[in-house]
């Protein structure tokens, strides 16, 4: 039986074949380095190995971004790994501001570099904000985005140079259209509350500390709560907590997009979805081209060194 591999099948087959090839390359490199100084062809093989690892990561990111369907709306989005699109909005309260020019923003990254004695820029600090913000879809539904751990790609970039210091800033600003890919889950406020017994216990402790129980349930005015009065306190506390929980049960669910726990990519971008998809695809094929180029160069150097 003959098996024919068509060109269109290669993208599907390569992810399964190349990890094994990477292990084989590393083994060959290890054998070649034993007992003798490294040769030029071995450096080429090492470059091919790193290019292969870079391709695996880039291709994985590209396939997740390209293959994950975008939800029509936040309300109908399935729980789990999804792609969402909407307008970025700040959460209520004081807005996040950029460190460089104090502009209101949703997210920032700031990198400070200093010129070294050999005229090279050395990174001193590189930090990102981790404040959450809101994604609002075309129907007005909202999802909170926690950007911690995300790969954020933004078009807005500023750079300032002062002497031997260079500061670069990337921003997501309010009102920007955002594409996001990550772990989506919805929760109702009642799900975040503690158990009924725990809430009743805490309410009793608060009433006791504030004097509320004594003021409102000391029927005989002797400054002490007897057993009957204390039972009345407990019943009142439990009824108040139950009323609050019933009211909370009517509150609508809130939605959150965050870093997937299984290692899948978490991407936030202010660029069109198709533009990001093409760039990820080009990055993947560039890494693969570097791999084959380095592998060919290593084979050529090995042949001509004999």
C-alpha atoms as a PDB file:
ATOM      1  CA  UNK A   1       0.000   0.000   0.000  1.00  0.00           C
ATOM      2  CA  UNK A   2       1.361   3.410  -0.974  1.00  0.00           C
ATOM      3  CA  UNK A   3       0.790   6.522   1.080  1.00  0.00           C
ATOM      4  CA  UNK A   4       0.782   9.803  -0.805  1.00  0.00           C
ATOM      5  CA  UNK A   5       1.466  13.027   1.078  1.00  0.00           C
ATOM      6  CA  UNK A   6      -0.016  16.015  -0.687  1.00  0.00           C
ATOM      7  CA  UNK A   7       1.389  19.558  -0.228  1.00  0.00           C
ATOM      8  CA  UNK A   8      -1.763  20.687   1.517  1.00  0.00           C
ATOM      9  CA  UNK A   9      -1.252  17.917   4.072  1.00  0.00           C
ATOM     10  CA  UNK A  10       2.150  19.217   5.211  1.00  0.00           C
ATOM     11  CA  UNK A  11       0.850  21.848   7.692  1.00  0.00           C
ATOM     12  CA  UNK A  12      -1.190  19.135   9.369  1.00  0.00           C
ATOM     13  CA  UNK A  13       1.631  16.563   9.461  1.00  0.00           C
ATOM     14  CA  UNK A  14       4.578  18.772  10.409  1.00  0.00           C
ATOM     15  CA  UNK A  15       3.490  19.507  13.996  1.00  0.00           C
ATOM     16  CA  UNK A  16       3.528  15.787  14.708  1.00  0.00           C
ATOM     17  CA  UNK A  17       6.808  15.059  12.915  1.00  0.00           C
ATOM     18  CA  UNK A  18       9.024  17.965  13.874  1.00  0.00           C
ATOM     19  CA  UNK A  19       9.098  17.488  17.674  1.00  0.00           C
ATOM     20  CA  UNK A  20      10.616  14.066  17.065  1.00  0.00           C
ATOM     21  CA  UNK A  21      13.044  15.604  14.611  1.00  0.00           C
ATOM     22  CA  UNK A  22      14.020  18.184  17.220  1.00  0.00           C
ATOM     23  CA  UNK A  23      14.902  15.416  19.651  1.00  0.00           C
ATOM     24  CA  UNK A  24      16.915  13.677  16.929  1.00  0.00           C
ATOM     25  CA  UNK A  25      18.831  16.859  16.116  1.00  0.00           C
ATOM     26  CA  UNK A  26      19.656  17.399  19.777  1.00  0.00           C
ATOM     27  CA  UNK A  27      20.914  13.807  20.036  1.00  0.00           C
ATOM     28  CA  UNK A  28      23.105  14.177  16.950  1.00  0.00           C
ATOM     29  CA  UNK A  29      24.471  17.450  18.325  1.00  0.00           C
ATOM     30  CA  UNK A  30      25.250  15.826  21.650  1.00  0.00           C
ATOM     31  CA  UNK A  31      27.072  12.943  19.937  1.00  0.00           C
ATOM     32  CA  UNK A  32      29.027  15.363  17.770  1.00  0.00           C
ATOM     33  CA  UNK A  33      30.189  17.491  20.715  1.00  0.00           C
ATOM     34  CA  UNK A  34      31.549  14.577  22.727  1.00  0.00           C
ATOM     35  CA  UNK A  35      35.295  14.588  23.018  1.00  0.00           C
ATOM     36  CA  UNK A  36      36.085  17.339  20.494  1.00  0.00           C
ATOM     37  CA  UNK A  37      35.689  21.114  20.091  1.00  0.00           C
ATOM     38  CA  UNK A  38      32.479  22.167  18.294  1.00  0.00           C
ATOM     39  CA  UNK A  39      32.733  22.543  14.530  1.00  0.00           C
ATOM     40  CA  UNK A  40      30.933  25.070  12.345  1.00  0.00           C
ATOM     41  CA  UNK A  41      28.406  22.509  11.158  1.00  0.00           C
ATOM     42  CA  UNK A  42      27.456  21.814  14.777  1.00  0.00           C
ATOM     43  CA  UNK A  43      26.686  25.489  15.337  1.00  0.00           C
ATOM     44  CA  UNK A  44      24.441  25.292  12.286  1.00  0.00           C
ATOM     45  CA  UNK A  45      22.715  22.259  13.760  1.00  0.00           C
ATOM     46  CA  UNK A  46      22.207  24.094  17.043  1.00  0.00           C
ATOM     47  CA  UNK A  47      20.671  27.033  15.179  1.00  0.00           C
ATOM     48  CA  UNK A  48      18.374  24.617  13.349  1.00  0.00           C
ATOM     49  CA  UNK A  49      17.262  23.126  16.662  1.00  0.00           C
ATOM     50  CA  UNK A  50      16.383  26.524  18.147  1.00  0.00           C
ATOM     51  CA  UNK A  51      14.610  27.527  14.923  1.00  0.00           C
ATOM     52  CA  UNK A  52      12.555  24.359  15.123  1.00  0.00           C
ATOM     53  CA  UNK A  53      11.508  25.068  18.702  1.00  0.00           C
ATOM     54  CA  UNK A  54      10.598  28.626  17.697  1.00  0.00           C
ATOM     55  CA  UNK A  55       8.508  27.269  14.812  1.00  0.00           C
ATOM     56  CA  UNK A  56       6.620  24.861  17.072  1.00  0.00           C
ATOM     57  CA  UNK A  57       5.693  27.736  19.437  1.00  0.00           C
ATOM     58  CA  UNK A  58       4.813  30.126  16.582  1.00  0.00           C
ATOM     59  CA  UNK A  59       2.780  27.558  14.650  1.00  0.00           C
ATOM     60  CA  UNK A  60       0.896  26.546  17.785  1.00  0.00           C
ATOM     61  CA  UNK A  61       0.003  30.176  18.473  1.00  0.00           C
ATOM     62  CA  UNK A  62      -1.050  30.696  14.850  1.00  0.00           C
ATOM     63  CA  UNK A  63      -3.305  27.630  14.754  1.00  0.00           C
ATOM     64  CA  UNK A  64      -5.050  28.520  18.021  1.00  0.00           C
ATOM     65  CA  UNK A  65      -5.626  32.088  16.841  1.00  0.00           C
ATOM     66  CA  UNK A  66      -6.809  31.063  13.371  1.00  0.00           C
ATOM     67  CA  UNK A  67      -8.927  28.052  14.357  1.00  0.00           C
ATOM     68  CA  UNK A  68     -10.760  29.379  17.426  1.00  0.00           C
ATOM     69  CA  UNK A  69     -14.146  30.747  16.256  1.00  0.00           C
ATOM     70  CA  UNK A  70     -15.125  34.216  17.386  1.00  0.00           C
ATOM     71  CA  UNK A  71     -18.233  34.378  19.538  1.00  0.00           C
ATOM     72  CA  UNK A  72     -21.164  36.312  18.070  1.00  0.00           C
ATOM     73  CA  UNK A  73     -21.702  38.027  21.421  1.00  0.00           C
ATOM     74  CA  UNK A  74     -20.538  37.794  25.007  1.00  0.00           C
ATOM     75  CA  UNK A  75     -23.961  36.586  26.127  1.00  0.00           C
ATOM     76  CA  UNK A  76     -23.863  33.577  23.782  1.00  0.00           C
ATOM     77  CA  UNK A  77     -20.140  32.814  24.123  1.00  0.00           C
ATOM     78  CA  UNK A  78     -19.440  29.223  25.245  1.00  0.00           C
ATOM     79  CA  UNK A  79     -17.603  28.622  28.469  1.00  0.00           C
ATOM     80  CA  UNK A  80     -13.939  27.837  27.899  1.00  0.00           C
ATOM     81  CA  UNK A  81     -11.471  28.927  25.228  1.00  0.00           C
ATOM     82  CA  UNK A  82     -13.021  31.578  22.976  1.00  0.00           C
ATOM     83  CA  UNK A  83     -12.261  34.630  20.864  1.00  0.00           C
ATOM     84  CA  UNK A  84     -14.118  37.864  21.617  1.00  0.00           C
ATOM     85  CA  UNK A  85     -14.312  41.219  19.870  1.00  0.00           C
ATOM     86  CA  UNK A  86     -15.535  44.561  21.161  1.00  0.00           C
ATOM     87  CA  UNK A  87     -14.648  48.018  22.430  1.00  0.00           C
ATOM     88  CA  UNK A  88     -12.271  48.427  25.352  1.00  0.00           C
ATOM     89  CA  UNK A  89     -13.720  50.340  28.314  1.00  0.00           C
ATOM     90  CA  UNK A  90     -12.226  51.191  31.721  1.00  0.00           C
ATOM     91  CA  UNK A  91     -13.747  49.853  34.910  1.00  0.00           C
ATOM     92  CA  UNK A  92     -15.559  52.387  37.131  1.00  0.00           C
ATOM     93  CA  UNK A  93     -13.337  54.472  39.367  1.00  0.00           C
ATOM     94  CA  UNK A  94     -10.068  56.302  38.827  1.00  0.00           C
ATOM     95  CA  UNK A  95      -8.680  55.440  35.383  1.00  0.00           C
ATOM     96  CA  UNK A  96      -5.330  53.745  34.888  1.00  0.00           C
ATOM     97  CA  UNK A  97      -2.753  56.240  33.592  1.00  0.00           C
ATOM     98  CA  UNK A  98       0.418  55.684  31.621  1.00  0.00           C
ATOM     99  CA  UNK A  99       3.684  56.395  33.484  1.00  0.00           C
ATOM    100  CA  UNK A 100       5.298  58.247  30.562  1.00  0.00           C
ATOM    101  CA  UNK A 101       2.723  60.910  29.688  1.00  0.00           C
ATOM    102  CA  UNK A 102      -0.065  60.275  32.218  1.00  0.00           C
ATOM    103  CA  UNK A 103      -2.657  59.426  29.567  1.00  0.00           C
ATOM    104  CA  UNK A 104      -5.778  57.445  30.585  1.00  0.00           C
ATOM    105  CA  UNK A 105      -5.351  53.899  29.307  1.00  0.00           C
ATOM    106  CA  UNK A 106      -6.580  50.329  29.654  1.00  0.00           C
ATOM    107  CA  UNK A 107      -3.117  48.747  29.679  1.00  0.00           C
ATOM    108  CA  UNK A 108       0.470  49.852  29.344  1.00  0.00           C
ATOM    109  CA  UNK A 109       3.920  48.391  28.954  1.00  0.00           C
ATOM    110  CA  UNK A 110       6.949  50.563  29.629  1.00  0.00           C
ATOM    111  CA  UNK A 111      10.578  49.689  28.975  1.00  0.00           C
ATOM    112  CA  UNK A 112      13.527  51.803  30.101  1.00  0.00           C
ATOM    113  CA  UNK A 113      16.916  51.273  28.444  1.00  0.00           C
ATOM    114  CA  UNK A 114      20.307  52.847  29.081  1.00  0.00           C
ATOM    115  CA  UNK A 115      23.176  53.185  26.638  1.00  0.00           C
ATOM    116  CA  UNK A 116      26.189  51.187  27.810  1.00  0.00           C
ATOM    117  CA  UNK A 117      29.873  52.011  27.404  1.00  0.00           C
ATOM    118  CA  UNK A 118      30.059  49.909  24.224  1.00  0.00           C
ATOM    119  CA  UNK A 119      27.198  51.938  22.665  1.00  0.00           C
ATOM    120  CA  UNK A 120      24.522  49.241  23.122  1.00  0.00           C
ATOM    121  CA  UNK A 121      21.089  49.700  24.685  1.00  0.00           C
ATOM    122  CA  UNK A 122      20.688  47.668  27.875  1.00  0.00           C
ATOM    123  CA  UNK A 123      17.230  47.102  29.381  1.00  0.00           C
ATOM    124  CA  UNK A 124      16.957  48.418  32.934  1.00  0.00           C
ATOM    125  CA  UNK A 125      13.234  47.891  33.556  1.00  0.00           C
ATOM    126  CA  UNK A 126      10.411  46.350  31.546  1.00  0.00           C
ATOM    127  CA  UNK A 127       7.015  46.205  33.208  1.00  0.00           C
ATOM    128  CA  UNK A 128       3.339  45.892  32.305  1.00  0.00           C
ATOM    129  CA  UNK A 129       0.173  46.948  34.069  1.00  0.00           C
ATOM    130  CA  UNK A 130      -2.129  44.220  35.352  1.00  0.00           C
ATOM    131  CA  UNK A 131      -5.303  46.248  35.998  1.00  0.00           C
ATOM    132  CA  UNK A 132      -8.459  44.691  34.574  1.00  0.00           C
ATOM    133  CA  UNK A 133     -10.630  46.458  32.017  1.00  0.00           C
ATOM    134  CA  UNK A 134     -13.889  45.805  30.176  1.00  0.00           C
ATOM    135  CA  UNK A 135     -14.655  44.545  26.684  1.00  0.00           C
ATOM    136  CA  UNK A 136     -18.061  45.716  25.435  1.00  0.00           C
ATOM    137  CA  UNK A 137     -19.595  43.984  22.423  1.00  0.00           C
ATOM    138  CA  UNK A 138     -21.971  45.495  19.873  1.00  0.00           C
ATOM    139  CA  UNK A 139     -24.998  44.451  21.952  1.00  0.00           C
ATOM    140  CA  UNK A 140     -23.732  46.265  25.028  1.00  0.00           C
ATOM    141  CA  UNK A 141     -22.803  43.074  26.889  1.00  0.00           C
ATOM    142  CA  UNK A 142     -19.645  43.381  28.953  1.00  0.00           C
ATOM    143  CA  UNK A 143     -16.800  41.058  29.858  1.00  0.00           C
ATOM    144  CA  UNK A 144     -14.000  41.888  32.278  1.00  0.00           C
ATOM    145  CA  UNK A 145     -10.510  41.132  30.948  1.00  0.00           C
ATOM    146  CA  UNK A 146      -7.703  40.290  33.358  1.00  0.00           C
ATOM    147  CA  UNK A 147      -4.558  40.949  31.246  1.00  0.00           C
ATOM    148  CA  UNK A 148      -2.122  39.189  33.577  1.00  0.00           C
ATOM    149  CA  UNK A 149      -0.039  36.777  31.501  1.00  0.00           C
ATOM    150  CA  UNK A 150      -1.442  37.954  28.166  1.00  0.00           C
ATOM    151  CA  UNK A 151       0.460  38.590  24.950  1.00  0.00           C
ATOM    152  CA  UNK A 152      -0.730  42.165  24.309  1.00  0.00           C
ATOM    153  CA  UNK A 153      -0.204  43.611  20.838  1.00  0.00           C
ATOM    154  CA  UNK A 154      -0.913  47.286  20.407  1.00  0.00           C
ATOM    155  CA  UNK A 155      -0.413  49.774  17.596  1.00  0.00           C
ATOM    156  CA  UNK A 156       0.130  52.765  19.891  1.00  0.00           C
ATOM    157  CA  UNK A 157       3.826  53.109  20.708  1.00  0.00           C
ATOM    158  CA  UNK A 158       5.722  56.138  22.019  1.00  0.00           C
ATOM    159  CA  UNK A 159       9.456  56.568  22.553  1.00  0.00           C
ATOM    160  CA  UNK A 160      11.352  59.302  24.380  1.00  0.00           C
ATOM    161  CA  UNK A 161      15.129  59.725  24.553  1.00  0.00           C
ATOM    162  CA  UNK A 162      16.866  61.804  27.206  1.00  0.00           C
ATOM    163  CA  UNK A 163      20.639  61.612  27.046  1.00  0.00           C
ATOM    164  CA  UNK A 164      21.692  58.007  27.485  1.00  0.00           C
ATOM    165  CA  UNK A 165      18.205  56.869  28.529  1.00  0.00           C
ATOM    166  CA  UNK A 166      15.525  55.626  26.149  1.00  0.00           C
ATOM    167  CA  UNK A 167      11.946  55.004  27.318  1.00  0.00           C
ATOM    168  CA  UNK A 168       9.457  53.097  25.160  1.00  0.00           C
ATOM    169  CA  UNK A 169       5.761  52.838  25.967  1.00  0.00           C
ATOM    170  CA  UNK A 170       2.969  50.718  24.491  1.00  0.00           C
ATOM    171  CA  UNK A 171      -0.670  51.559  25.244  1.00  0.00           C
ATOM    172  CA  UNK A 172      -4.199  50.246  24.897  1.00  0.00           C
ATOM    173  CA  UNK A 173      -6.491  53.244  25.161  1.00  0.00           C
ATOM    174  CA  UNK A 174     -10.229  53.419  25.982  1.00  0.00           C
ATOM    175  CA  UNK A 175     -12.547  53.245  22.989  1.00  0.00           C
ATOM    176  CA  UNK A 176     -10.213  51.021  20.966  1.00  0.00           C
ATOM    177  CA  UNK A 177     -11.618  47.977  19.151  1.00  0.00           C
ATOM    178  CA  UNK A 178     -10.037  44.912  20.725  1.00  0.00           C
ATOM    179  CA  UNK A 179      -9.714  41.264  19.696  1.00  0.00           C
ATOM    180  CA  UNK A 180      -9.066  38.912  22.586  1.00  0.00           C
ATOM    181  CA  UNK A 181      -8.420  35.176  22.806  1.00  0.00           C
ATOM    182  CA  UNK A 182      -8.435  33.415  26.167  1.00  0.00           C
ATOM    183  CA  UNK A 183     -10.336  31.467  28.807  1.00  0.00           C
ATOM    184  CA  UNK A 184     -13.910  32.706  29.188  1.00  0.00           C
ATOM    185  CA  UNK A 185     -16.098  31.902  32.166  1.00  0.00           C
ATOM    186  CA  UNK A 186     -19.249  33.342  33.681  1.00  0.00           C
ATOM    187  CA  UNK A 187     -20.262  33.479  37.323  1.00  0.00           C
ATOM    188  CA  UNK A 188     -23.298  34.680  39.212  1.00  0.00           C
ATOM    189  CA  UNK A 189     -22.662  36.874  42.284  1.00  0.00           C
ATOM    190  CA  UNK A 190     -24.349  34.288  44.513  1.00  0.00           C
ATOM    191  CA  UNK A 191     -21.634  31.771  43.554  1.00  0.00           C
ATOM    192  CA  UNK A 192     -18.951  33.958  45.125  1.00  0.00           C
ATOM    193  CA  UNK A 193     -20.641  34.111  48.519  1.00  0.00           C
ATOM    194  CA  UNK A 194     -19.593  31.960  51.436  1.00  0.00           C
ATOM    195  CA  UNK A 195     -21.808  29.200  52.846  1.00  0.00           C
ATOM    196  CA  UNK A 196     -24.948  30.294  54.707  1.00  0.00           C
ATOM    197  CA  UNK A 197     -23.591  29.175  58.104  1.00  0.00           C
ATOM    198  CA  UNK A 198     -20.362  31.111  57.544  1.00  0.00           C
ATOM    199  CA  UNK A 199     -22.212  34.294  56.616  1.00  0.00           C
ATOM    200  CA  UNK A 200     -24.522  33.979  59.639  1.00  0.00           C
ATOM    201  CA  UNK A 201     -21.533  33.456  61.932  1.00  0.00           C
ATOM    202  CA  UNK A 202     -19.773  36.526  60.516  1.00  0.00           C
ATOM    203  CA  UNK A 203     -22.936  38.612  60.801  1.00  0.00           C
ATOM    204  CA  UNK A 204     -23.332  37.634  64.469  1.00  0.00           C
ATOM    205  CA  UNK A 205     -19.695  38.566  65.123  1.00  0.00           C
ATOM    206  CA  UNK A 206     -20.235  41.974  63.505  1.00  0.00           C
ATOM    207  CA  UNK A 207     -23.400  42.617  65.507  1.00  0.00           C
ATOM    208  CA  UNK A 208     -21.693  41.604  68.712  1.00  0.00           C
ATOM    209  CA  UNK A 209     -18.652  43.807  68.057  1.00  0.00           C
ATOM    210  CA  UNK A 210     -20.746  46.855  67.081  1.00  0.00           C
ATOM    211  CA  UNK A 211     -23.218  46.515  69.947  1.00  0.00           C
ATOM    212  CA  UNK A 212     -26.115  46.032  67.528  1.00  0.00           C
ATOM    213  CA  UNK A 213     -27.226  42.815  69.198  1.00  0.00           C
ATOM    214  CA  UNK A 214     -27.298  44.368  72.666  1.00  0.00           C
ATOM    215  CA  UNK A 215     -29.115  47.518  71.569  1.00  0.00           C
ATOM    216  CA  UNK A 216     -31.839  45.729  69.637  1.00  0.00           C
ATOM    217  CA  UNK A 217     -32.351  42.403  71.452  1.00  0.00           C
ATOM    218  CA  UNK A 218     -31.764  43.077  75.156  1.00  0.00           C
ATOM    219  CA  UNK A 219     -35.506  43.034  75.922  1.00  0.00           C
ATOM    220  CA  UNK A 220     -35.216  43.309  79.738  1.00  0.00           C
ATOM    221  CA  UNK A 221     -32.489  45.971  79.589  1.00  0.00           C
ATOM    222  CA  UNK A 222     -30.158  44.231  82.057  1.00  0.00           C
ATOM    223  CA  UNK A 223     -27.086  44.616  79.804  1.00  0.00           C
ATOM    224  CA  UNK A 224     -26.883  40.896  79.104  1.00  0.00           C
ATOM    225  CA  UNK A 225     -28.400  38.549  76.525  1.00  0.00           C
ATOM    226  CA  UNK A 226     -30.031  35.451  77.975  1.00  0.00           C
ATOM    227  CA  UNK A 227     -30.575  32.273  75.975  1.00  0.00           C
ATOM    228  CA  UNK A 228     -33.950  33.325  74.576  1.00  0.00           C
ATOM    229  CA  UNK A 229     -32.649  36.745  73.535  1.00  0.00           C
ATOM    230  CA  UNK A 230     -29.560  35.197  71.907  1.00  0.00           C
ATOM    231  CA  UNK A 231     -31.758  32.808  69.928  1.00  0.00           C
ATOM    232  CA  UNK A 232     -33.670  35.839  68.665  1.00  0.00           C
ATOM    233  CA  UNK A 233     -30.379  37.403  67.583  1.00  0.00           C
ATOM    234  CA  UNK A 234     -29.435  34.258  65.658  1.00  0.00           C
ATOM    235  CA  UNK A 235     -32.835  34.043  63.958  1.00  0.00           C
ATOM    236  CA  UNK A 236     -32.687  37.700  62.928  1.00  0.00           C
ATOM    237  CA  UNK A 237     -29.142  37.343  61.569  1.00  0.00           C
ATOM    238  CA  UNK A 238     -30.034  34.240  59.594  1.00  0.00           C
ATOM    239  CA  UNK A 239     -33.148  35.857  58.142  1.00  0.00           C
ATOM    240  CA  UNK A 240     -31.203  38.964  57.093  1.00  0.00           C
ATOM    241  CA  UNK A 241     -28.523  36.850  55.397  1.00  0.00           C
ATOM    242  CA  UNK A 242     -31.165  34.749  53.605  1.00  0.00           C
ATOM    243  CA  UNK A 243     -32.867  37.891  52.308  1.00  0.00           C
ATOM    244  CA  UNK A 244     -29.549  39.197  50.964  1.00  0.00           C
ATOM    245  CA  UNK A 245     -28.771  35.879  49.269  1.00  0.00           C
ATOM    246  CA  UNK A 246     -32.188  35.775  47.616  1.00  0.00           C
ATOM    247  CA  UNK A 247     -31.635  39.296  46.279  1.00  0.00           C
ATOM    248  CA  UNK A 248     -28.162  38.352  45.020  1.00  0.00           C
ATOM    249  CA  UNK A 249     -29.596  35.344  43.190  1.00  0.00           C
ATOM    250  CA  UNK A 250     -31.469  37.739  40.901  1.00  0.00           C
ATOM    251  CA  UNK A 251     -28.312  39.612  39.889  1.00  0.00           C
ATOM    252  CA  UNK A 252     -27.122  38.849  36.332  1.00  0.00           C
ATOM    253  CA  UNK A 253     -23.987  36.799  35.735  1.00  0.00           C
ATOM    254  CA  UNK A 254     -20.675  38.559  35.185  1.00  0.00           C
ATOM    255  CA  UNK A 255     -18.129  37.394  32.604  1.00  0.00           C
ATOM    256  CA  UNK A 256     -14.346  37.167  32.799  1.00  0.00           C
ATOM    257  CA  UNK A 257     -11.625  36.504  30.197  1.00  0.00           C
ATOM    258  CA  UNK A 258      -8.269  35.460  31.613  1.00  0.00           C
ATOM    259  CA  UNK A 259      -5.138  33.367  31.110  1.00  0.00           C
ATOM    260  CA  UNK A 260      -5.942  29.707  30.284  1.00  0.00           C
ATOM    261  CA  UNK A 261      -4.609  27.289  32.862  1.00  0.00           C
ATOM    262  CA  UNK A 262      -3.728  24.670  30.228  1.00  0.00           C
ATOM    263  CA  UNK A 263      -1.052  26.773  28.530  1.00  0.00           C
ATOM    264  CA  UNK A 264      -3.018  27.844  25.470  1.00  0.00           C
ATOM    265  CA  UNK A 265      -2.218  31.332  24.144  1.00  0.00           C
ATOM    266  CA  UNK A 266      -3.810  34.376  25.758  1.00  0.00           C
ATOM    267  CA  UNK A 267      -3.797  37.208  23.199  1.00  0.00           C
ATOM    268  CA  UNK A 268      -5.135  40.771  23.392  1.00  0.00           C
ATOM    269  CA  UNK A 269      -4.768  42.985  20.330  1.00  0.00           C
ATOM    270  CA  UNK A 270      -6.068  46.303  19.055  1.00  0.00           C
ATOM    271  CA  UNK A 271      -5.391  45.227  15.457  1.00  0.00           C
ATOM    272  CA  UNK A 272      -7.875  43.558  13.078  1.00  0.00           C
ATOM    273  CA  UNK A 273      -8.236  39.819  13.537  1.00  0.00           C
ATOM    274  CA  UNK A 274      -7.184  38.985   9.978  1.00  0.00           C
ATOM    275  CA  UNK A 275      -4.080  41.150  10.226  1.00  0.00           C
ATOM    276  CA  UNK A 276      -2.955  39.382  13.402  1.00  0.00           C
ATOM    277  CA  UNK A 277      -3.705  35.977  11.883  1.00  0.00           C
ATOM    278  CA  UNK A 278      -1.561  36.724   8.817  1.00  0.00           C
ATOM    279  CA  UNK A 279       1.305  37.985  10.961  1.00  0.00           C
ATOM    280  CA  UNK A 280       1.256  34.866  13.129  1.00  0.00           C
ATOM    281  CA  UNK A 281       1.221  32.740   9.992  1.00  0.00           C
ATOM    282  CA  UNK A 282       4.183  34.619   8.515  1.00  0.00           C
ATOM    283  CA  UNK A 283       6.123  34.280  11.775  1.00  0.00           C
ATOM    284  CA  UNK A 284       5.526  30.523  11.798  1.00  0.00           C
ATOM    285  CA  UNK A 285       6.677  30.027   8.202  1.00  0.00           C
ATOM    286  CA  UNK A 286       9.699  32.307   8.761  1.00  0.00           C
ATOM    287  CA  UNK A 287      10.826  30.130  11.675  1.00  0.00           C
ATOM    288  CA  UNK A 288      10.345  27.026   9.545  1.00  0.00           C
ATOM    289  CA  UNK A 289      12.362  28.575   6.700  1.00  0.00           C
ATOM    290  CA  UNK A 290      15.160  29.410   9.148  1.00  0.00           C
ATOM    291  CA  UNK A 291      15.117  25.811  10.329  1.00  0.00           C
ATOM    292  CA  UNK A 292      15.544  24.327   6.855  1.00  0.00           C
ATOM    293  CA  UNK A 293      18.144  26.964   5.927  1.00  0.00           C
ATOM    294  CA  UNK A 294      20.203  26.253   9.061  1.00  0.00           C
ATOM    295  CA  UNK A 295      19.834  22.503   8.545  1.00  0.00           C
ATOM    296  CA  UNK A 296      20.990  22.780   4.924  1.00  0.00           C
ATOM    297  CA  UNK A 297      23.927  24.980   5.916  1.00  0.00           C
ATOM    298  CA  UNK A 298      24.915  22.503   8.615  1.00  0.00           C
ATOM    299  CA  UNK A 299      24.798  19.611   6.128  1.00  0.00           C
ATOM    300  CA  UNK A 300      26.849  21.595   3.591  1.00  0.00           C
ATOM    301  CA  UNK A 301      29.474  22.529   6.184  1.00  0.00           C
ATOM    302  CA  UNK A 302      29.639  18.956   7.397  1.00  0.00           C
ATOM    303  CA  UNK A 303      30.123  17.625   3.861  1.00  0.00           C
ATOM    304  CA  UNK A 304      32.872  20.116   3.037  1.00  0.00           C
ATOM    305  CA  UNK A 305      34.699  19.617   6.315  1.00  0.00           C
ATOM    306  CA  UNK A 306      35.386  15.932   5.588  1.00  0.00           C
END
